[in-house]
Protein backbone atom coordinates (compact mmCIF):
# COMPACT_ATOMS: atom_id res chain seq x y z
CA MET A 1 -0.03 0.01 0.01
CA LYS A 2 2.80 2.34 0.92
CA GLN A 3 4.63 1.52 -2.33
CA GLY A 4 1.43 2.31 -4.24
CA ASN A 5 1.17 5.69 -2.48
CA ILE A 6 4.81 6.41 -3.32
CA SER A 7 4.32 5.55 -6.93
CA ARG A 8 1.14 7.66 -7.17
CA ALA A 9 2.97 10.60 -5.51
CA VAL A 10 5.82 10.31 -8.00
CA ILE A 11 3.41 10.26 -10.96
CA HIS A 12 1.45 13.24 -9.61
CA THR A 13 4.67 15.17 -9.00
CA GLY A 14 5.82 14.42 -12.56
CA PHE A 15 2.56 15.62 -14.04
CA LEU A 16 2.68 18.75 -11.77
CA VAL A 17 6.22 19.60 -12.93
CA TYR A 18 5.28 19.05 -16.55
CA SER A 19 2.18 21.27 -16.15
CA ILE A 20 4.28 24.06 -14.63
CA LEU A 21 6.71 23.75 -17.56
CA CYS A 22 3.86 24.04 -20.01
CA LEU A 23 2.36 27.08 -18.22
CA LEU A 24 5.73 28.84 -17.72
CA PRO A 25 6.02 30.15 -21.31
CA LEU A 26 2.45 31.56 -21.17
CA PHE A 27 3.28 33.28 -17.88
CA VAL A 28 6.45 34.77 -19.39
CA VAL A 29 4.40 36.06 -22.38
CA LEU A 30 1.96 37.72 -19.98
CA THR A 31 4.78 39.18 -17.93
CA ILE A 32 6.51 40.66 -20.99
CA SER A 33 3.24 42.18 -22.21
CA LEU A 34 2.93 43.97 -18.85
CA SER A 35 6.56 45.14 -18.81
CA ASP A 36 8.09 48.47 -19.87
CA GLU A 37 9.73 48.30 -23.30
CA GLN A 38 12.93 50.01 -22.20
CA SER A 39 13.36 47.81 -19.14
CA ILE A 40 13.24 44.75 -21.40
CA PHE A 41 15.94 46.15 -23.67
CA GLN A 42 18.13 47.16 -20.68
CA SER A 43 17.86 44.00 -18.44
CA GLY A 44 16.13 41.36 -20.58
CA TYR A 45 13.23 39.12 -19.70
CA HIS A 46 12.12 38.42 -16.10
CA LEU A 47 9.38 36.29 -14.58
CA ILE A 48 8.31 39.34 -12.60
CA PRO A 49 8.25 42.74 -14.43
CA GLU A 50 10.85 45.20 -13.21
CA LYS A 51 8.56 48.06 -14.26
CA ILE A 52 4.90 47.40 -14.98
CA SER A 53 3.53 49.20 -18.01
CA LEU A 54 0.31 48.96 -20.00
CA ASP A 55 1.72 50.83 -23.02
CA ALA A 56 1.51 47.75 -25.21
CA TYR A 57 -2.19 47.31 -24.55
CA ALA A 58 -2.82 51.03 -24.85
CA PHE A 59 -1.19 50.97 -28.28
CA ILE A 60 -3.20 47.96 -29.49
CA PHE A 61 -6.46 49.43 -28.26
CA SER A 62 -5.70 52.88 -29.62
CA GLY A 63 -7.87 54.51 -32.20
CA ASN A 64 -5.54 53.52 -34.94
CA SER A 65 -6.15 49.86 -34.20
CA PRO A 66 -9.87 48.87 -34.27
CA ILE A 67 -9.26 45.77 -32.24
CA ILE A 68 -12.68 45.90 -30.50
CA GLN A 69 -14.39 45.63 -33.91
CA ALA A 70 -12.04 42.82 -34.92
CA TYR A 71 -12.90 40.98 -31.69
CA GLY A 72 -16.58 41.26 -32.61
CA VAL A 73 -15.95 39.92 -36.10
CA THR A 74 -13.98 36.94 -34.79
CA ILE A 75 -16.54 36.14 -32.06
CA ILE A 76 -19.38 36.18 -34.62
CA VAL A 77 -17.41 34.09 -37.11
CA THR A 78 -16.38 31.63 -34.41
CA LEU A 79 -19.80 31.16 -32.89
CA LEU A 80 -21.77 30.94 -36.19
CA GLY A 81 -19.06 28.90 -37.95
CA THR A 82 -18.77 26.34 -35.10
CA LEU A 83 -22.53 25.98 -34.75
CA MET A 84 -23.18 25.61 -38.45
CA HIS A 85 -20.19 23.23 -38.82
CA LEU A 86 -21.54 20.95 -36.05
CA VAL A 87 -25.08 21.01 -37.51
CA ILE A 88 -24.06 20.21 -41.08
CA SER A 89 -21.26 17.75 -40.32
CA SER A 90 -23.32 15.82 -37.65
CA MET A 91 -26.36 15.45 -39.94
CA LEU A 92 -24.13 14.18 -42.80
CA ALA A 93 -22.24 11.87 -40.46
CA TYR A 94 -25.44 10.46 -38.95
CA GLY A 95 -26.78 9.67 -42.42
CA LEU A 96 -23.54 7.93 -43.34
CA SER A 97 -23.70 5.86 -40.13
CA ARG A 98 -27.15 4.37 -40.91
CA ASN A 99 -27.22 1.13 -42.89
CA GLU A 100 -30.54 1.85 -44.47
CA VAL A 101 -29.41 5.03 -46.21
CA LYS A 102 -29.05 4.58 -49.97
CA TYR A 103 -25.79 5.39 -51.68
CA LYS A 104 -24.05 5.93 -48.32
CA ASN A 105 -21.01 4.07 -49.59
CA ILE A 106 -20.73 6.36 -52.63
CA ILE A 107 -21.13 9.49 -50.43
CA SER A 108 -18.54 8.08 -48.00
CA PHE A 109 -16.15 7.61 -50.88
CA ILE A 110 -16.65 11.23 -51.95
CA VAL A 111 -15.98 12.41 -48.41
CA VAL A 112 -12.71 10.35 -48.22
CA PHE A 113 -11.75 11.50 -51.72
CA CYS A 114 -12.10 15.13 -50.67
CA LEU A 115 -9.91 14.39 -47.66
CA LEU A 116 -7.10 13.13 -49.93
CA PHE A 117 -7.42 15.51 -52.89
CA ASN A 118 -8.44 19.16 -53.42
CA GLY A 119 -8.68 21.56 -56.29
CA GLY A 120 -5.85 23.86 -55.06
CA LEU A 121 -5.61 27.41 -53.97
CA VAL A 122 -6.47 29.14 -57.29
CA PRO A 123 -9.79 27.31 -57.96
CA TRP A 124 -10.65 27.80 -54.28
CA TYR A 125 -10.17 31.55 -54.60
CA MET A 126 -12.05 31.75 -57.87
CA LEU A 127 -15.01 29.84 -56.42
CA PHE A 128 -15.57 32.15 -53.49
CA SER A 129 -14.60 35.45 -55.19
CA LYS A 130 -15.85 35.13 -58.73
CA TYR A 131 -18.64 32.51 -58.75
CA LEU A 132 -20.17 32.75 -55.28
CA HIS A 133 -19.47 36.52 -54.93
CA LEU A 134 -18.55 36.17 -51.27
CA LYS A 135 -15.47 38.32 -51.31
CA ASP A 136 -15.45 41.11 -48.73
CA THR A 137 -18.40 39.60 -46.83
CA LEU A 138 -18.65 37.99 -43.44
CA LEU A 139 -19.86 34.78 -45.01
CA VAL A 140 -16.55 34.15 -46.70
CA LEU A 141 -14.93 33.65 -43.30
CA ILE A 142 -17.44 30.98 -42.43
CA VAL A 143 -18.63 29.13 -45.53
CA PRO A 144 -15.29 27.56 -46.68
CA TYR A 145 -14.97 25.51 -43.57
CA LEU A 146 -18.54 24.40 -42.85
CA VAL A 147 -17.72 20.75 -43.53
CA SER A 148 -14.59 18.82 -42.73
CA SER A 149 -14.02 15.33 -44.05
CA VAL A 150 -12.04 14.34 -40.96
CA ASN A 151 -14.72 15.56 -38.55
CA VAL A 152 -17.45 13.79 -40.57
CA LEU A 153 -15.54 10.50 -40.38
CA ILE A 154 -14.94 10.94 -36.66
CA MET A 155 -18.63 11.64 -36.02
CA ARG A 156 -19.74 8.82 -38.27
CA ASN A 157 -17.61 6.30 -36.33
CA PHE A 158 -18.99 7.70 -33.08
CA PHE A 159 -22.59 7.44 -34.22
CA ARG A 160 -22.04 3.79 -35.16
CA THR A 161 -21.38 3.04 -31.45
CA ILE A 162 -24.92 4.15 -30.52
CA PRO A 163 -27.01 0.97 -30.25
CA ASP A 164 -29.52 0.44 -33.04
CA SER A 165 -32.15 -0.59 -30.46
CA ILE A 166 -32.39 3.06 -29.32
CA VAL A 167 -33.15 4.30 -32.79
CA GLU A 168 -35.52 1.42 -33.48
CA SER A 169 -37.44 1.97 -30.27
CA ALA A 170 -37.91 5.63 -31.26
CA ARG A 171 -39.24 4.63 -34.64
CA ILE A 172 -41.65 2.19 -33.07
CA ASP A 173 -42.98 5.06 -30.92
CA GLY A 174 -43.65 7.07 -34.10
CA SER A 175 -40.65 9.38 -33.94
CA GLY A 176 -39.38 10.74 -37.28
CA GLU A 177 -35.75 10.56 -38.36
CA PHE A 178 -35.01 14.20 -37.63
CA ASN A 179 -36.79 14.10 -34.23
CA THR A 180 -34.89 10.93 -33.37
CA PHE A 181 -31.58 12.47 -34.29
CA LEU A 182 -32.37 15.73 -32.42
CA ARG A 183 -33.83 14.21 -29.25
CA LEU A 184 -31.95 10.98 -28.86
CA VAL A 185 -28.78 10.90 -30.92
CA VAL A 186 -27.53 14.43 -30.22
CA PRO A 187 -27.80 14.19 -26.41
CA LEU A 188 -25.92 10.86 -26.50
CA SER A 189 -23.27 12.47 -28.70
CA THR A 190 -22.36 15.41 -26.48
CA PRO A 191 -18.73 14.27 -25.94
CA VAL A 192 -17.82 14.00 -29.62
CA LEU A 193 -19.77 17.17 -30.49
CA ALA A 194 -17.97 19.13 -27.75
CA THR A 195 -14.61 17.76 -28.87
CA ILE A 196 -15.16 18.60 -32.54
CA GLY A 197 -16.69 21.87 -31.58
CA LEU A 198 -13.58 22.89 -29.66
CA PHE A 199 -11.29 21.98 -32.58
CA VAL A 200 -13.45 23.91 -35.03
CA ALA A 201 -13.75 26.93 -32.70
CA VAL A 202 -9.94 27.10 -32.27
CA PHE A 203 -9.52 26.94 -36.03
CA TYR A 204 -12.01 29.73 -36.73
CA TRP A 205 -10.54 31.79 -33.95
CA ASN A 206 -6.98 31.48 -35.31
CA ASP A 207 -7.83 31.75 -38.96
CA TRP A 208 -6.09 34.66 -40.67
CA PHE A 209 -5.32 33.14 -44.05
CA THR A 210 -8.86 33.46 -45.42
CA ALA A 211 -8.96 37.16 -44.58
CA SER A 212 -5.62 37.79 -46.15
CA LEU A 213 -6.97 36.45 -49.48
CA LEU A 214 -10.65 37.46 -49.57
CA ILE A 215 -11.11 40.46 -47.18
CA GLU A 216 -10.10 43.97 -48.23
CA ASP A 217 -12.60 45.87 -46.10
CA GLY A 218 -10.94 46.88 -42.80
CA LYS A 219 -14.22 46.64 -40.97
CA LEU A 220 -14.33 42.85 -41.63
CA TYR A 221 -10.82 42.08 -40.44
CA PRO A 222 -10.82 39.25 -37.90
CA LEU A 223 -8.66 39.54 -34.82
CA GLN A 224 -5.73 37.39 -35.92
CA PHE A 225 -5.32 39.16 -39.21
CA LEU A 226 -5.55 42.61 -37.56
CA LEU A 227 -2.98 41.71 -34.95
CA GLN A 228 -0.63 40.45 -37.65
CA SER A 229 -1.15 43.74 -39.52
CA ILE A 230 -0.26 45.72 -36.41
CA MET A 231 2.98 43.78 -35.99
CA ASN A 232 3.81 44.24 -39.71
CA ASN A 233 3.23 47.99 -39.36
CA ILE A 234 5.56 48.22 -36.43
CA ALA A 235 8.25 46.23 -38.33
CA TYR A 236 7.75 48.53 -41.35
CA LEU A 237 8.17 51.67 -39.31
CA GLN A 238 11.30 50.33 -37.63
CA GLY A 239 12.82 49.42 -41.03
CA ASN A 240 12.00 52.73 -42.68
CA ALA A 241 14.64 55.44 -42.24
CA LEU A 242 12.13 58.24 -42.38
CA THR A 243 9.96 56.82 -39.56
CA GLN A 244 12.64 55.01 -37.56
CA LYS A 245 12.67 57.76 -34.92
CA LEU A 246 8.94 57.50 -34.48
CA ALA A 247 9.11 53.72 -34.34
CA THR A 248 11.55 53.77 -31.36
CA SER A 249 8.75 55.20 -29.22
CA LEU A 250 6.43 52.37 -30.15
CA PRO A 251 6.22 49.17 -28.07
CA ASP A 252 7.64 46.35 -30.17
CA GLU A 253 8.42 43.28 -28.04
CA THR A 254 5.78 44.04 -25.45
CA ALA A 255 3.15 44.63 -28.18
CA ARG A 256 3.96 41.27 -29.72
CA MET A 257 3.39 39.56 -26.40
CA ALA A 258 0.24 41.53 -25.78
CA THR A 259 -1.14 40.35 -29.07
CA CYS A 260 -0.41 36.77 -28.09
CA VAL A 261 -2.26 37.28 -24.82
CA LEU A 262 -5.27 38.85 -26.49
CA ALA A 263 -5.40 35.97 -29.07
CA VAL A 264 -4.94 33.12 -26.65
CA ALA A 265 -6.95 34.29 -23.60
CA PRO A 266 -10.49 33.68 -24.79
CA ILE A 267 -9.71 30.08 -25.94
CA ALA A 268 -7.71 29.40 -22.78
CA LEU A 269 -10.56 30.67 -20.61
CA THR A 270 -13.12 28.61 -22.53
CA TYR A 271 -11.27 25.30 -22.52
CA PRO A 272 -11.79 24.42 -18.77
CA PHE A 273 -15.53 24.48 -19.29
CA LEU A 274 -15.29 21.97 -22.11
CA GLN A 275 -12.47 19.85 -20.73
CA LYS A 276 -14.64 17.08 -19.29
CA TYR A 277 -16.42 16.64 -22.64
CA PHE A 278 -13.09 16.87 -24.44
CA VAL A 279 -11.51 14.09 -22.46
CA LYS A 280 -14.65 11.95 -22.57
CA GLY A 281 -14.88 12.39 -26.35
CA LEU A 282 -11.35 11.19 -26.88
CA THR A 283 -11.64 8.12 -24.69
CA LEU A 284 -15.24 6.95 -25.24
CA GLY A 285 -14.82 6.31 -28.91
CA ALA A 286 -11.51 4.51 -28.34
CA VAL A 287 -13.08 2.15 -25.83
CA LYS A 288 -16.12 1.33 -27.99
CA ALA A 289 -14.38 1.08 -31.31
């Protein structure tokens, strides 16, 4: 018994040390973002700021950087994109998991084929800009990623673990297919939906590539693309001889770390609320597969 307690203590201590090592870089990033720019150049990085300053955040939230509006765009895109992705992908996956659905093998082949091959960047750009006329619209940040072949296959395999007797009993009671899916299958699939939803939400939140290609209106810039633009502007000012004197007064390193904090904080604060579903979604499918 004592040996078991010692082993458990060693394992817990190892995980604790590993967790601290994982959190330490994030703490350093937060510390640098709250430090004075000059103190960093003079004495380097410290775990505790030598001189606390909010200049980096003041610069990012200044009138020249409409970050509040970019936050709103990113939040709307993330919420709508994640919700629509889960609805469309789960309905497709549920249909592919039922044996009585006609042509499900052909549709499954198409899903796998799209996973392995794609048309490339140029046809993708032409589709959304020229044919669908979604360029410079909020929808162009959402529509391209409404369905993922990987997520459809994961959901399909999970839906197959749900006993057929549950679906059959609902049909005997007179429940329609959509009502059965909504009232029985979806509640039983909370772990996989939460897991996929977290992955999709993180992707939408961090997506800047779509905006760089298809968004020219500054009012529609998402957060990640705007923060990248801010950093590029600082680098340009520092590399330009005419504006180099002005750039020396701008926060550089602290602003970079502040942008990281602003980009990571919402997802980091959301994850603990979904952690139990996330862990369950990863383990439940593995046990039943």
